[in-house]
Amino acid sequence: MSGWRGAGVPLSVAGLYPSLHLNLSECYRKLGDLDGAREHLQRARDEIHVLGDDDYGRLIKDGLERIAKQLDEAT
């Protein structure tokens, strides 16, 4: 087996993008760059459809809701 699955990662590369953008959004928020945080939050939302309704998908979706709330409260 090769690629991500061979490394024990059961997702396609596209399945990792929502998490990547969620984490970037959080980093930008912590740095005070709310526009950057919102940009990456939207990019994560644009890619979220690739995730299933499993524990990982729900974890990322919950994270998106959490950071969206934090960004709403910051304005």
Protein backbone atom coordinates (compact mmCIF):
# COMPACT_ATOMS: atom_id res chain seq x y z
CA MET A 1 0.00 0.00 0.00
CA SER A 2 1.28 3.47 -0.80
CA GLY A 3 0.40 7.07 -0.08
CA TRP A 4 -1.50 8.30 2.96
CA ARG A 5 -3.34 5.01 3.49
CA GLY A 6 -0.04 3.17 3.62
CA ALA A 7 1.06 5.54 6.37
CA GLY A 8 -2.00 4.69 8.46
CA VAL A 9 -3.98 7.80 7.47
CA PRO A 10 -7.43 6.67 6.26
CA LEU A 11 -8.25 9.96 4.49
CA SER A 12 -7.52 11.31 1.08
CA VAL A 13 -5.32 14.39 0.99
CA ALA A 14 -8.46 16.47 0.31
CA GLY A 15 -9.81 15.23 3.64
CA LEU A 16 -6.96 16.96 5.43
CA TYR A 17 -7.64 20.45 4.03
CA PRO A 18 -10.57 21.34 6.32
CA SER A 19 -8.40 20.60 9.37
CA LEU A 20 -5.48 22.54 7.91
CA HIS A 21 -7.63 25.61 7.30
CA LEU A 22 -9.28 25.27 10.71
CA ASN A 23 -5.86 25.31 12.36
CA LEU A 24 -4.69 28.24 10.25
CA SER A 25 -7.86 30.12 11.15
CA GLU A 26 -7.17 29.56 14.85
CA CYS A 27 -3.56 30.74 14.46
CA TYR A 28 -4.61 33.91 12.66
CA ARG A 29 -7.26 34.55 15.33
CA LYS A 30 -4.68 34.22 18.09
CA LEU A 31 -2.41 36.64 16.23
CA GLY A 32 -5.25 39.15 16.03
CA ASP A 33 -5.59 38.90 12.25
CA LEU A 34 -9.35 38.39 12.16
CA ASP A 35 -9.57 38.84 8.38
CA GLY A 36 -7.02 36.07 7.88
CA ALA A 37 -8.88 33.91 10.39
CA ARG A 38 -12.16 34.43 8.57
CA GLU A 39 -10.56 33.67 5.20
CA HIS A 40 -9.29 30.29 6.40
CA LEU A 41 -12.55 29.57 8.20
CA GLN A 42 -14.35 30.04 4.88
CA ARG A 43 -11.84 27.87 3.05
CA ALA A 44 -12.40 25.13 5.62
CA ARG A 45 -16.17 25.46 5.17
CA ASP A 46 -15.72 25.23 1.40
CA GLU A 47 -13.90 21.91 1.80
CA ILE A 48 -15.90 20.37 4.67
CA HIS A 49 -18.11 18.39 2.27
CA VAL A 50 -15.29 15.88 1.74
CA LEU A 51 -15.53 14.69 5.35
CA GLY A 52 -17.89 11.97 6.47
CA ASP A 53 -20.25 11.92 9.41
CA ASP A 54 -17.76 10.10 11.60
CA ASP A 55 -15.80 11.10 14.71
CA TYR A 56 -13.15 12.94 12.70
CA GLY A 57 -15.68 14.79 10.56
CA ARG A 58 -17.68 15.83 13.63
CA LEU A 59 -14.50 16.96 15.41
CA ILE A 60 -13.60 19.28 12.53
CA LYS A 61 -17.18 20.54 12.15
CA ASP A 62 -17.37 21.28 15.88
CA GLY A 63 -14.07 23.14 15.64
CA LEU A 64 -15.42 25.25 12.79
CA GLU A 65 -18.49 26.15 14.84
CA ARG A 66 -16.30 27.05 17.83
CA ILE A 67 -13.98 29.34 15.91
CA ALA A 68 -16.89 30.94 14.02
CA LYS A 69 -18.45 31.81 17.38
CA GLN A 70 -15.16 33.22 18.65
CA LEU A 71 -14.79 35.36 15.53
CA ASP A 72 -18.37 36.61 15.82
CA GLU A 73 -17.72 37.60 19.43
CA ALA A 74 -14.47 39.37 18.44
CA THR A 75 -16.26 41.90 16.24
